[in-house]
Amino acid sequence: MKILFALFVVVPAFTILKAEEPDYSAFNRVLKRHVRAGKKTGIHAHLINYRALKGDADFTAALQTISAFDTAKLKTRAEKMAFYINAYNIAAIAKVLEKYPLASIRASGDGVWKETAIALAGKPYSLDGIENQVLRPMRDARIHFAIVCASLSCPDLHTEAYTAAKLQAQLEAQTRAFLANESKGLRIEGNRILQSEIFVWFKEDFGDVAAFQARYRKGLPASGERLQILYNWQLNE
């Protein structure tokens, strides 16, 4: 009887402490329906059908679901990171749809990064706020290949929502794919390494950039000159 009573007490306590994540099913349907691999202005990218997405009730549902979620329920670092990566990507799409059709998310200027893009648990966030105040302080440089600012030279939008259970595999896959994409990530020309400007803008996050890149691309010139691939801000449409 004492053993049974102990089990009865422990199980409810575990249930109370168990963290939650939002229901990403609507967002997953949006990603499956409107994201396709393609090529535009010489850049291989996952292209988004914003025109069709604009009238998709599933995107409205995805936005409402993540906005209404109680962020206090996110207990682990992985849950928080996955949540805010998804929030950034949904918010970036929403910013495009606010003014669509447009040629670039920067069409109205760089102030777009500071504008309110989404409300999460009643708190307004800009894209800049999610990236620099929430995600970068988590100190995992791979987040730069998961958040997508709706531009051709951005890393590709993943075709499923990030979740705590899959996060490590998803971040590894995204990083590897970006560095394998010679049209915008990293390419070798003789003894020169042409790299995305992401490695310059966020150099402090990567630490030893060469060592980071070598984890994902073999055969990089050890002392090659590093040049930047000009960032294309054209909409990833």
Protein backbone atom coordinates (compact mmCIF):
# COMPACT_ATOMS: atom_id res chain seq x y z
CA MET A 1 0.00 0.00 0.00
CA LYS A 2 2.82 2.40 0.82
CA ILE A 3 4.48 1.69 -2.55
CA LEU A 4 1.23 2.24 -4.44
CA PHE A 5 0.63 5.51 -2.61
CA ALA A 6 4.12 6.73 -3.49
CA LEU A 7 3.52 6.02 -7.18
CA PHE A 8 0.19 7.80 -7.02
CA VAL A 9 1.92 10.91 -5.66
CA VAL A 10 4.89 10.92 -8.05
CA VAL A 11 2.92 10.55 -11.30
CA PRO A 12 0.76 13.69 -10.89
CA ALA A 13 3.84 15.71 -9.85
CA PHE A 14 5.65 14.64 -13.04
CA THR A 15 2.62 15.58 -15.12
CA ILE A 16 2.53 19.07 -13.62
CA LEU A 17 6.22 19.66 -14.36
CA LYS A 18 6.07 18.32 -17.92
CA ALA A 19 6.67 21.13 -20.40
CA GLU A 20 4.62 21.77 -23.51
CA GLU A 21 5.12 23.03 -27.03
CA PRO A 22 2.56 24.62 -29.36
CA ASP A 23 0.61 22.55 -31.85
CA TYR A 24 2.61 23.17 -35.01
CA SER A 25 0.34 21.12 -37.29
CA ALA A 26 -1.10 24.16 -39.11
CA PHE A 27 2.39 25.58 -39.68
CA ASN A 28 3.59 22.22 -40.97
CA ARG A 29 0.76 22.16 -43.49
CA VAL A 30 1.70 25.66 -44.64
CA LEU A 31 5.34 24.64 -45.11
CA LYS A 32 4.46 21.47 -47.01
CA ARG A 33 1.96 23.29 -49.22
CA HIS A 34 3.81 26.50 -50.09
CA VAL A 35 7.58 25.84 -49.91
CA ARG A 36 9.36 24.32 -52.90
CA ALA A 37 13.00 23.94 -53.91
CA GLY A 38 13.85 26.08 -56.92
CA LYS A 39 16.32 28.47 -58.50
CA LYS A 40 16.03 32.23 -58.91
CA THR A 41 18.64 34.67 -60.26
CA GLY A 42 21.19 31.86 -60.08
CA ILE A 43 20.51 31.08 -56.41
CA HIS A 44 19.27 27.68 -55.32
CA ALA A 45 16.69 28.22 -52.59
CA HIS A 46 13.47 27.08 -51.02
CA LEU A 47 10.96 29.42 -52.65
CA ILE A 48 7.67 30.42 -51.03
CA ASN A 49 4.35 30.93 -52.81
CA TYR A 50 3.37 34.08 -50.91
CA ARG A 51 0.47 34.79 -53.24
CA ALA A 52 -1.25 31.51 -52.34
CA LEU A 53 -0.12 31.68 -48.73
CA LYS A 54 -1.76 35.08 -48.25
CA GLY A 55 -5.22 33.53 -48.36
CA ASP A 56 -4.37 30.32 -46.51
CA ALA A 57 -6.39 29.84 -43.31
CA ASP A 58 -3.69 27.51 -42.01
CA PHE A 59 -1.19 30.38 -41.88
CA THR A 60 -3.67 32.47 -39.91
CA ALA A 61 -4.10 29.50 -37.56
CA ALA A 62 -0.34 29.01 -37.24
CA LEU A 63 0.14 32.68 -36.40
CA GLN A 64 -2.67 32.65 -33.85
CA THR A 65 -1.46 29.42 -32.25
CA ILE A 66 2.10 30.58 -31.65
CA SER A 67 0.97 34.06 -30.59
CA ALA A 68 -1.46 32.71 -28.00
CA PHE A 69 0.88 30.09 -26.54
CA ASP A 70 1.89 30.63 -22.92
CA THR A 71 5.68 30.87 -23.13
CA ALA A 72 5.96 30.07 -19.41
CA LYS A 73 5.24 26.47 -20.41
CA LEU A 74 8.55 26.25 -22.25
CA LYS A 75 10.80 24.62 -19.69
CA THR A 76 13.92 23.52 -21.54
CA ARG A 77 16.46 25.37 -23.65
CA ALA A 78 15.55 23.19 -26.64
CA GLU A 79 11.84 23.99 -26.31
CA LYS A 80 12.57 27.70 -26.08
CA MET A 81 14.96 27.70 -29.00
CA ALA A 82 12.60 25.73 -31.26
CA PHE A 83 9.70 27.98 -30.29
CA TYR A 84 11.48 31.25 -31.02
CA ILE A 85 12.97 29.97 -34.30
CA ASN A 86 9.45 29.10 -35.44
CA ALA A 87 8.16 32.43 -34.14
CA TYR A 88 10.82 34.32 -36.13
CA ASN A 89 10.01 32.45 -39.34
CA ILE A 90 6.26 32.92 -38.94
CA ALA A 91 6.77 36.60 -38.10
CA ALA A 92 8.99 37.16 -41.16
CA ILE A 93 6.32 35.65 -43.41
CA ALA A 94 3.67 37.80 -41.72
CA LYS A 95 5.76 40.96 -42.33
CA VAL A 96 5.96 40.11 -46.03
CA LEU A 97 2.22 39.46 -46.24
CA GLU A 98 1.47 42.80 -44.55
CA LYS A 99 2.70 44.66 -47.63
CA TYR A 100 2.60 42.00 -50.32
CA PRO A 101 3.22 42.19 -53.24
CA LEU A 102 6.74 43.53 -52.78
CA ALA A 103 10.19 42.84 -54.18
CA SER A 104 11.99 42.55 -50.85
CA ILE A 105 11.20 42.49 -47.14
CA ARG A 106 13.45 45.58 -47.03
CA ALA A 107 11.33 47.43 -49.61
CA SER A 108 10.32 50.05 -47.03
CA GLY A 109 13.80 50.26 -45.49
CA ASP A 110 15.85 48.60 -42.77
CA GLY A 111 13.36 49.75 -40.17
CA VAL A 112 11.46 46.54 -40.88
CA TRP A 113 13.76 44.70 -38.46
CA LYS A 114 12.72 47.00 -35.61
CA GLU A 115 8.98 47.07 -36.33
CA THR A 116 6.65 44.91 -34.27
CA ALA A 117 6.30 41.67 -36.22
CA ILE A 118 4.46 39.39 -33.82
CA ALA A 119 2.98 39.25 -30.32
CA LEU A 120 3.99 36.28 -28.19
CA ALA A 121 2.07 35.66 -24.98
CA GLY A 122 0.88 39.26 -25.13
CA LYS A 123 4.36 40.76 -25.59
CA PRO A 124 5.28 42.50 -28.88
CA TYR A 125 8.45 41.38 -30.64
CA SER A 126 10.33 42.65 -33.66
CA LEU A 127 12.40 40.34 -35.85
CA ASP A 128 15.50 42.03 -34.46
CA GLY A 129 14.24 41.44 -30.91
CA ILE A 130 13.70 37.72 -31.41
CA GLU A 131 17.07 37.27 -33.05
CA ASN A 132 19.28 39.46 -30.88
CA GLN A 133 17.53 39.47 -27.51
CA VAL A 134 16.27 35.88 -27.37
CA LEU A 135 18.04 33.52 -29.77
CA ARG A 136 21.61 34.82 -29.98
CA PRO A 137 22.04 34.88 -26.18
CA MET A 138 21.41 31.10 -26.25
CA ARG A 139 24.87 30.87 -27.85
CA ASP A 140 24.33 28.39 -30.65
CA ALA A 141 25.57 29.83 -33.94
CA ARG A 142 23.52 27.29 -35.89
CA ILE A 143 20.40 29.38 -35.26
CA HIS A 144 21.63 31.64 -38.08
CA PHE A 145 20.86 28.83 -40.54
CA ALA A 146 17.40 28.22 -39.12
CA ILE A 147 15.88 31.70 -39.01
CA VAL A 148 14.84 32.97 -42.43
CA CYS A 149 14.34 36.66 -43.23
CA ALA A 150 12.38 36.02 -46.44
CA SER A 151 15.31 36.69 -48.80
CA LEU A 152 17.04 34.62 -51.49
CA SER A 153 20.43 34.63 -49.75
CA CYS A 154 18.93 33.58 -46.43
CA PRO A 155 19.23 29.96 -45.37
CA ASP A 156 16.34 27.89 -46.69
CA LEU A 157 13.08 27.74 -44.81
CA HIS A 158 12.88 24.27 -43.29
CA THR A 159 9.91 22.24 -44.51
CA GLU A 160 8.75 21.30 -41.03
CA ALA A 161 8.46 23.21 -37.78
CA TYR A 162 11.31 22.99 -35.29
CA THR A 163 10.61 20.94 -32.18
CA ALA A 164 12.63 20.21 -29.06
CA ALA A 165 12.84 16.50 -29.87
CA LYS A 166 14.26 17.08 -33.36
CA LEU A 167 16.09 20.35 -32.77
CA GLN A 168 19.69 19.10 -32.81
CA ALA A 169 19.19 17.06 -35.97
CA GLN A 170 17.32 19.94 -37.62
CA LEU A 171 20.02 22.50 -36.80
CA GLU A 172 22.75 20.19 -38.04
CA ALA A 173 20.88 19.51 -41.28
CA GLN A 174 20.20 23.21 -41.87
CA THR A 175 23.82 24.19 -41.26
CA ARG A 176 25.18 21.44 -43.45
CA ALA A 177 22.75 22.26 -46.27
CA PHE A 178 23.57 25.97 -46.20
CA LEU A 179 27.31 25.42 -46.31
CA ALA A 180 26.86 22.94 -49.17
CA ASN A 181 24.90 25.53 -51.19
CA GLU A 182 27.58 27.13 -53.35
CA SER A 183 25.18 29.78 -54.67
CA LYS A 184 24.80 31.46 -51.29
CA GLY A 185 26.50 29.56 -48.47
CA LEU A 186 30.09 28.64 -49.23
CA ARG A 187 32.10 27.88 -52.36
CA ILE A 188 35.73 27.38 -53.26
CA GLU A 189 37.36 29.12 -56.21
CA GLY A 190 40.96 28.04 -56.49
CA ASN A 191 42.59 29.06 -53.22
CA ARG A 192 39.80 31.47 -52.34
CA ILE A 193 36.81 30.82 -50.09
CA LEU A 194 33.65 32.73 -50.93
CA GLN A 195 31.32 32.77 -47.96
CA SER A 196 27.95 34.17 -46.97
CA GLU A 197 27.99 37.56 -45.30
CA ILE A 198 26.31 35.86 -42.35
CA PHE A 199 29.82 34.79 -41.28
CA VAL A 200 30.89 38.43 -41.18
CA TRP A 201 27.79 39.95 -39.57
CA PHE A 202 27.79 37.37 -36.77
CA LYS A 203 31.47 36.54 -36.58
CA GLU A 204 31.49 36.69 -32.79
CA ASP A 205 28.84 33.97 -32.64
CA PHE A 206 30.94 31.55 -34.69
CA GLY A 207 34.22 32.13 -32.87
CA ASP A 208 36.77 30.51 -35.16
CA VAL A 209 34.88 30.81 -38.46
CA ALA A 210 37.30 28.56 -40.34
CA ALA A 211 37.03 25.81 -37.73
CA PHE A 212 33.23 26.09 -37.71
CA GLN A 213 33.03 25.79 -41.49
CA ALA A 214 35.47 22.87 -41.54
CA ARG A 215 33.05 20.86 -39.39
CA TYR A 216 30.56 20.93 -42.26
CA ARG A 217 32.67 21.25 -45.41
CA LYS A 218 35.74 19.14 -46.08
CA GLY A 219 38.66 20.20 -48.24
CA LEU A 220 38.57 23.93 -47.52
CA PRO A 221 41.89 25.70 -48.30
CA ALA A 222 43.74 26.06 -45.02
CA SER A 223 44.98 29.57 -45.72
CA GLY A 224 42.71 30.66 -48.51
CA GLU A 225 41.65 34.27 -48.97
CA ARG A 226 38.10 34.84 -47.73
CA LEU A 227 35.70 36.93 -49.77
CA GLN A 228 31.99 37.57 -49.33
CA ILE A 229 29.15 36.40 -51.53
CA LEU A 230 27.01 39.51 -52.05
CA TYR A 231 23.78 39.08 -50.12
CA ASN A 232 20.69 39.08 -52.35
CA TRP A 233 17.74 40.61 -50.49
CA GLN A 234 15.25 39.82 -53.23
CA LEU A 235 12.14 38.08 -51.88
CA ASN A 236 12.47 34.29 -51.73
CA GLU A 237 9.34 33.92 -53.85
